[in-house]
Each structure stands twice: as C-alpha cells, then as structure tokens.
Amino acid sequence: MKKKIALRIDDIGASTKKYEVYSKKLFGNILFLKYLKYFRAWAPYSEMTVEMWEQVMDILRKTNACLTVGVTAAWVNKDNSIIPFPEKFPAQARIIKQGWKEGLLEIANHGFTHCVVGKHLPRLFSSNRKYHREFWDWISRDIHFEHLEKSQTIFQEWLGESPTTLIPPGNVYTVDTLEAAKKHGIERINSYIDHGVESSVRIINNDQIDAFHDREIVLEGKVWLERKLNSYNPDTNFFFIKNL
C-alpha cells in the first residue's frame, strides 16, 4: 500500500524568526549569550527569499510533491505594530500565490501573530519561547476570535479566499480557538493535541504529517529539502493536509 504524506512548512511570515531568542543550555539565557551560535536555539534568522521559493517549487515539480505552507498572517514589530504578510513581504507573497494557483502549495493559517503581542521581545535573563505561541488558555477568549477573524481577512484579501486549515503555532490551541475556527471558516486543525470536544472542525494529528520550518531551508538551502524528498520511498504519495 502506498504511503500518504503531507509535507508541512511552518513560520512563513512570522516575526518569531526575529524575536524568539532563547537558549536550551545552562546559563545560556543570560544577557547576550542567547544570541551566540553555541547557545542560540532558534532566532534570529531571515525570511525565505523569492529565489528560495522558486527553488522549493522547482523541487516539488520534479518530485511530483506538494507542500502545505503555514503562513502567519501578520508580522509584529518591536513596538507591537502589525503589518499584514503581503505588505511586509510583497515579493514572497506574489510567488507563494503563484505556487498556490499552480496547485503546488496549500496555504494554511498559522495564526495572526504567532505570538503574545507585547510579550514577544527577547528577555534579559530568561527564555521568551512560551510567548511565541498564540492561542494559550490564559489568553482572552475574545483574542482567539479576533485573531482568527483578522488573519482570515488578510488571507481573503491576498488570495481571494481564506484557508480552511489551521496550524496553531506550537500546536497550542484551546476550545475557544476551536469555536473561533468554526466561526471563521476553518474546517480542520492540524495538531497532535486533541481536546476531545465534539465539533464540525476536524482534528488531524501528525501521524501522516512531515512538519518542518522555513528555518531549515534558510540556514541549509534547497539541498535540505532535496535530501528530505529523496529519503522517501518512490511510491510515496504526497497530499495537502486538506486532502488527507
């Protein structure tokens, strides 16, 4: 029987790539240490370039694969101001939309901000990782609804339609998120967490998902994706998350 896999790339357009600065090493979160290569666990790194996207789509064509792209709808600046993805990265938005129209990419909602706005900046003596998850249970219910409404509106204005797949940042979401998702056109949530609540929104776990981040491609180049696809059995069938 042929294996069904959905490839998923996360964090497109997320300011998390600039501000989620922390270390997993002992004493690594003290002052500037978290920025040094030896101590640094995540950020900062750059957004994928148009050239990188062209390379990714060329690889997908050659391997008869497809890719679900988790796009964060807006970038959060240092001063808490918010810029929609197509305005912050217009060239990337154009080529991603081209790949979407071609049927190579599924655009999924990866949150409005990816973070808790106002708490997203690096800290002097601790990790800020937990604040780079958007849909915590200690966040106001109204924020869950507001963020999904605003993000879906940005996607609608950019693509002419809104995503039906939600990839909650860090797999974190609540019953409030689930209800907000239903209200704003989300049909499925991809997360290994299932709150066991009856809903028309389907929960898709990660059993058939190969998830990674834009960070791998930014830091290692297209060869990273080529190696990943070459590691699969030739009989593997690639699907979008929405088609699993």
Protein backbone atom coordinates (compact mmCIF):
# COMPACT_ATOMS: atom_id res chain seq x y z
CA MET A 1 0.00 0.00 0.00
CA LYS A 2 1.35 3.41 -0.95
CA LYS A 3 2.27 5.74 1.90
CA LYS A 4 0.35 9.04 2.14
CA ILE A 5 2.30 12.00 3.49
CA ALA A 6 1.59 15.72 3.79
CA LEU A 7 4.69 17.91 3.82
CA ARG A 8 4.21 20.98 6.01
CA ILE A 9 6.39 24.07 6.35
CA ASP A 10 5.69 26.50 9.21
CA ASP A 11 6.52 30.06 10.28
CA ILE A 12 6.29 31.78 6.90
CA GLY A 13 5.94 35.50 7.68
CA ALA A 14 6.21 35.04 11.44
CA SER A 15 8.17 37.64 13.40
CA THR A 16 9.01 34.77 15.73
CA LYS A 17 12.02 34.25 13.46
CA LYS A 18 13.37 37.59 14.69
CA TYR A 19 12.23 37.74 18.29
CA GLU A 20 12.06 34.17 19.67
CA VAL A 21 15.55 34.29 21.09
CA TYR A 22 16.35 31.74 23.77
CA SER A 23 18.81 29.02 24.73
CA LYS A 24 18.41 25.46 25.98
CA LYS A 25 21.86 25.43 27.53
CA LEU A 26 22.74 26.07 31.16
CA PHE A 27 23.14 29.81 31.75
CA GLY A 28 22.51 30.35 28.01
CA ASN A 29 19.65 32.81 28.56
CA ILE A 30 21.79 35.34 30.40
CA LEU A 31 22.05 38.68 28.55
CA PHE A 32 23.71 38.41 25.12
CA LEU A 33 24.68 34.71 25.37
CA LYS A 34 21.43 33.54 23.78
CA TYR A 35 22.46 35.31 20.54
CA LEU A 36 25.73 33.41 20.20
CA LYS A 37 25.74 30.40 17.89
CA TYR A 38 26.78 27.94 20.61
CA PHE A 39 23.93 28.96 22.90
CA ARG A 40 21.24 30.03 20.41
CA ALA A 41 18.30 27.64 19.98
CA TRP A 42 16.13 29.44 17.43
CA ALA A 43 16.18 33.05 16.24
CA PRO A 44 17.15 35.31 14.66
CA TYR A 45 17.12 34.16 11.04
CA SER A 46 15.80 35.62 7.79
CA GLU A 47 12.58 35.19 5.84
CA MET A 48 12.82 32.88 2.83
CA THR A 49 13.71 34.81 -0.33
CA VAL A 50 11.92 34.68 -3.68
CA GLU A 51 14.84 32.66 -5.04
CA MET A 52 14.41 30.11 -2.25
CA TRP A 53 10.71 29.79 -3.04
CA GLU A 54 11.49 29.32 -6.73
CA GLN A 55 13.90 26.54 -5.79
CA VAL A 56 11.37 24.89 -3.49
CA MET A 57 8.67 24.91 -6.15
CA ASP A 58 11.07 23.55 -8.75
CA ILE A 59 11.90 20.66 -6.40
CA LEU A 60 8.19 19.99 -5.83
CA ARG A 61 7.57 19.86 -9.59
CA LYS A 62 10.47 17.48 -10.19
CA THR A 63 9.44 15.12 -7.40
CA ASN A 64 5.69 15.27 -8.04
CA ALA A 65 5.24 16.54 -4.48
CA CYS A 66 3.19 19.29 -2.91
CA LEU A 67 3.52 21.37 0.25
CA THR A 68 1.19 22.80 2.88
CA VAL A 69 2.51 26.23 3.81
CA GLY A 70 1.72 27.59 7.27
CA VAL A 71 1.65 31.36 6.81
CA THR A 72 1.39 33.72 9.76
CA ALA A 73 -0.91 36.47 8.53
CA ALA A 74 0.91 39.42 10.08
CA TRP A 75 4.34 40.46 11.29
CA VAL A 76 4.62 42.00 14.77
CA ASN A 77 7.17 44.78 15.14
CA LYS A 78 9.19 45.73 18.20
CA ASP A 79 6.66 48.47 19.04
CA ASN A 80 3.73 45.98 18.79
CA SER A 81 2.58 47.43 15.46
CA ILE A 82 1.32 44.82 12.99
CA ILE A 83 1.94 44.52 9.24
CA PRO A 84 -0.01 42.05 7.06
CA PHE A 85 2.18 39.44 5.37
CA PRO A 86 1.52 40.65 1.79
CA GLU A 87 2.63 44.16 2.79
CA LYS A 88 5.69 43.10 4.76
CA PHE A 89 6.87 40.59 2.15
CA PRO A 90 5.17 41.52 -1.15
CA ALA A 91 7.57 39.64 -3.44
CA GLN A 92 7.30 36.45 -1.38
CA ALA A 93 3.51 36.85 -1.26
CA ARG A 94 3.37 37.02 -5.05
CA ILE A 95 5.42 33.87 -5.65
CA ILE A 96 3.61 31.90 -2.93
CA LYS A 97 0.31 32.89 -4.52
CA GLN A 98 1.68 31.71 -7.86
CA GLY A 99 2.56 28.33 -6.34
CA TRP A 100 -0.90 28.16 -4.78
CA LYS A 101 -2.57 28.84 -8.13
CA GLU A 102 -0.38 26.20 -9.77
CA GLY A 103 -1.54 23.61 -7.23
CA LEU A 104 1.90 23.10 -5.67
CA LEU A 105 1.05 24.79 -2.38
CA GLU A 106 -1.80 24.73 0.11
CA ILE A 107 -1.95 27.93 2.15
CA ALA A 108 -2.79 27.22 5.79
CA ASN A 109 -3.47 29.70 8.57
CA HIS A 110 -0.55 29.68 11.03
CA GLY A 111 -2.01 32.34 13.26
CA PHE A 112 -2.40 36.09 13.08
CA THR A 113 0.73 36.99 15.09
CA HIS A 114 2.24 33.63 16.17
CA CYS A 115 2.97 35.30 19.50
CA VAL A 116 1.51 37.05 22.50
CA VAL A 117 1.79 40.64 21.36
CA GLY A 118 3.60 42.80 23.89
CA LYS A 119 5.41 39.86 25.42
CA HIS A 120 7.23 38.71 22.29
CA LEU A 121 10.56 40.53 22.66
CA PRO A 122 13.69 38.78 23.96
CA ARG A 123 14.27 38.91 27.72
CA LEU A 124 17.46 39.75 29.55
CA PHE A 125 17.69 36.70 31.80
CA SER A 126 15.14 34.14 30.58
CA SER A 127 13.62 32.40 27.59
CA ASN A 128 10.69 34.03 25.79
CA ARG A 129 9.69 30.84 23.99
CA LYS A 130 6.29 30.40 25.64
CA TYR A 131 5.23 33.83 24.40
CA HIS A 132 5.75 32.69 20.80
CA ARG A 133 2.61 30.59 20.94
CA GLU A 134 -0.58 32.47 20.13
CA PHE A 135 -3.61 30.57 21.42
CA TRP A 136 -2.97 29.88 25.11
CA ASP A 137 -5.78 29.07 27.55
CA TRP A 138 -4.80 32.14 29.60
CA ILE A 139 -5.41 34.43 26.64
CA SER A 140 -8.80 36.15 26.50
CA ARG A 141 -11.46 34.23 24.54
CA ASP A 142 -12.06 37.43 22.56
CA ILE A 143 -8.45 37.38 21.32
CA HIS A 144 -8.90 33.89 19.86
CA PHE A 145 -11.90 35.11 17.86
CA GLU A 146 -10.32 38.44 16.93
CA HIS A 147 -7.05 36.91 15.74
CA LEU A 148 -8.71 34.29 13.59
CA GLU A 149 -11.07 36.85 12.11
CA LYS A 150 -8.25 39.28 11.28
CA SER A 151 -5.98 36.59 9.88
CA GLN A 152 -8.71 35.11 7.68
CA THR A 153 -9.49 38.60 6.36
CA ILE A 154 -5.84 39.14 5.38
CA PHE A 155 -5.79 35.82 3.53
CA GLN A 156 -9.09 36.65 1.80
CA GLU A 157 -7.75 39.98 0.57
CA TRP A 158 -4.48 38.39 -0.58
CA LEU A 159 -5.72 35.17 -2.19
CA GLY A 160 -9.37 35.83 -2.85
CA GLU A 161 -10.30 33.10 -0.40
CA SER A 162 -9.47 32.12 3.16
CA PRO A 163 -7.65 28.96 4.28
CA THR A 164 -9.67 26.04 5.63
CA THR A 165 -6.71 24.56 7.53
CA LEU A 166 -5.36 25.98 10.79
CA ILE A 167 -1.90 25.07 12.09
CA PRO A 168 -1.81 26.56 15.60
CA PRO A 169 1.67 27.85 16.48
CA GLY A 170 3.48 25.34 18.66
CA ASN A 171 0.44 23.01 18.48
CA VAL A 172 -1.14 25.17 21.21
CA TYR A 173 -4.87 25.83 20.93
CA THR A 174 -7.95 25.68 23.17
CA VAL A 175 -11.67 25.07 22.97
CA ASP A 176 -12.02 28.83 22.39
CA THR A 177 -9.71 28.51 19.37
CA LEU A 178 -11.79 25.61 18.10
CA GLU A 179 -15.00 27.61 18.34
CA ALA A 180 -13.40 30.65 16.72
CA ALA A 181 -12.07 28.44 13.93
CA LYS A 182 -15.54 27.08 13.21
CA LYS A 183 -16.97 30.61 13.08
CA HIS A 184 -14.34 31.83 10.63
CA GLY A 185 -14.34 29.10 8.03
CA ILE A 186 -11.71 26.70 9.37
CA GLU A 187 -12.63 23.08 8.65
CA ARG A 188 -9.65 21.33 10.21
CA ILE A 189 -6.89 21.91 12.76
CA ASN A 190 -3.57 20.12 12.38
CA SER A 191 -2.16 19.44 15.84
CA TYR A 192 -1.08 16.47 17.93
CA ILE A 193 -3.34 17.86 20.68
CA ASP A 194 -7.00 16.79 20.65
CA HIS A 195 -9.19 18.32 23.35
CA GLY A 196 -11.86 15.69 22.74
CA VAL A 197 -14.59 18.24 22.10
CA GLU A 198 -17.34 17.42 19.63
CA SER A 199 -17.08 19.85 16.71
CA SER A 200 -17.51 20.06 12.96
CA VAL A 201 -13.86 21.17 12.86
CA ARG A 202 -11.79 18.05 12.31
CA ILE A 203 -8.58 17.48 14.27
CA ILE A 204 -5.81 15.98 12.15
CA ASN A 205 -2.91 14.58 14.17
CA ASN A 206 0.66 14.39 12.93
CA ASP A 207 0.72 10.69 12.00
CA GLN A 208 0.82 11.49 8.28
CA ILE A 209 2.45 14.91 8.56
CA ASP A 210 6.11 15.64 7.94
CA ALA A 211 6.43 19.07 9.53
CA PHE A 212 9.44 21.37 9.38
CA HIS A 213 10.16 25.09 9.42
CA ASP A 214 11.41 27.70 7.00
CA ARG A 215 14.47 27.91 9.24
CA GLU A 216 15.87 24.66 7.80
CA ILE A 217 15.77 25.97 4.25
CA VAL A 218 17.04 29.44 5.18
CA LEU A 219 20.04 28.03 7.05
CA GLU A 220 20.81 24.95 4.95
CA GLY A 221 19.46 25.79 1.50
CA LYS A 222 17.47 23.80 -1.05
CA VAL A 223 19.69 20.75 -0.53
CA TRP A 224 17.96 20.19 2.81
CA LEU A 225 14.59 19.73 1.10
CA GLU A 226 16.11 17.65 -1.69
CA ARG A 227 17.58 15.24 0.86
CA LYS A 228 14.24 15.00 2.66
CA LEU A 229 12.30 14.15 -0.51
CA ASN A 230 14.98 11.73 -1.70
CA SER A 231 14.67 9.85 1.59
CA TYR A 232 11.11 8.79 0.79
CA ASN A 233 10.17 5.59 -0.97
CA PRO A 234 9.44 6.33 -4.67
CA ASP A 235 5.90 5.02 -4.17
CA THR A 236 5.07 7.70 -1.58
CA ASN A 237 2.04 9.84 -2.43
CA PHE A 238 2.16 13.45 -1.30
CA PHE A 239 -1.03 15.26 -0.31
CA PHE A 240 -2.08 18.57 1.13
CA ILE A 241 -3.29 18.44 4.71
CA LYS A 242 -6.77 19.38 3.49
CA ASN A 243 -6.84 16.24 1.35
CA LEU A 244 -5.77 13.73 3.98
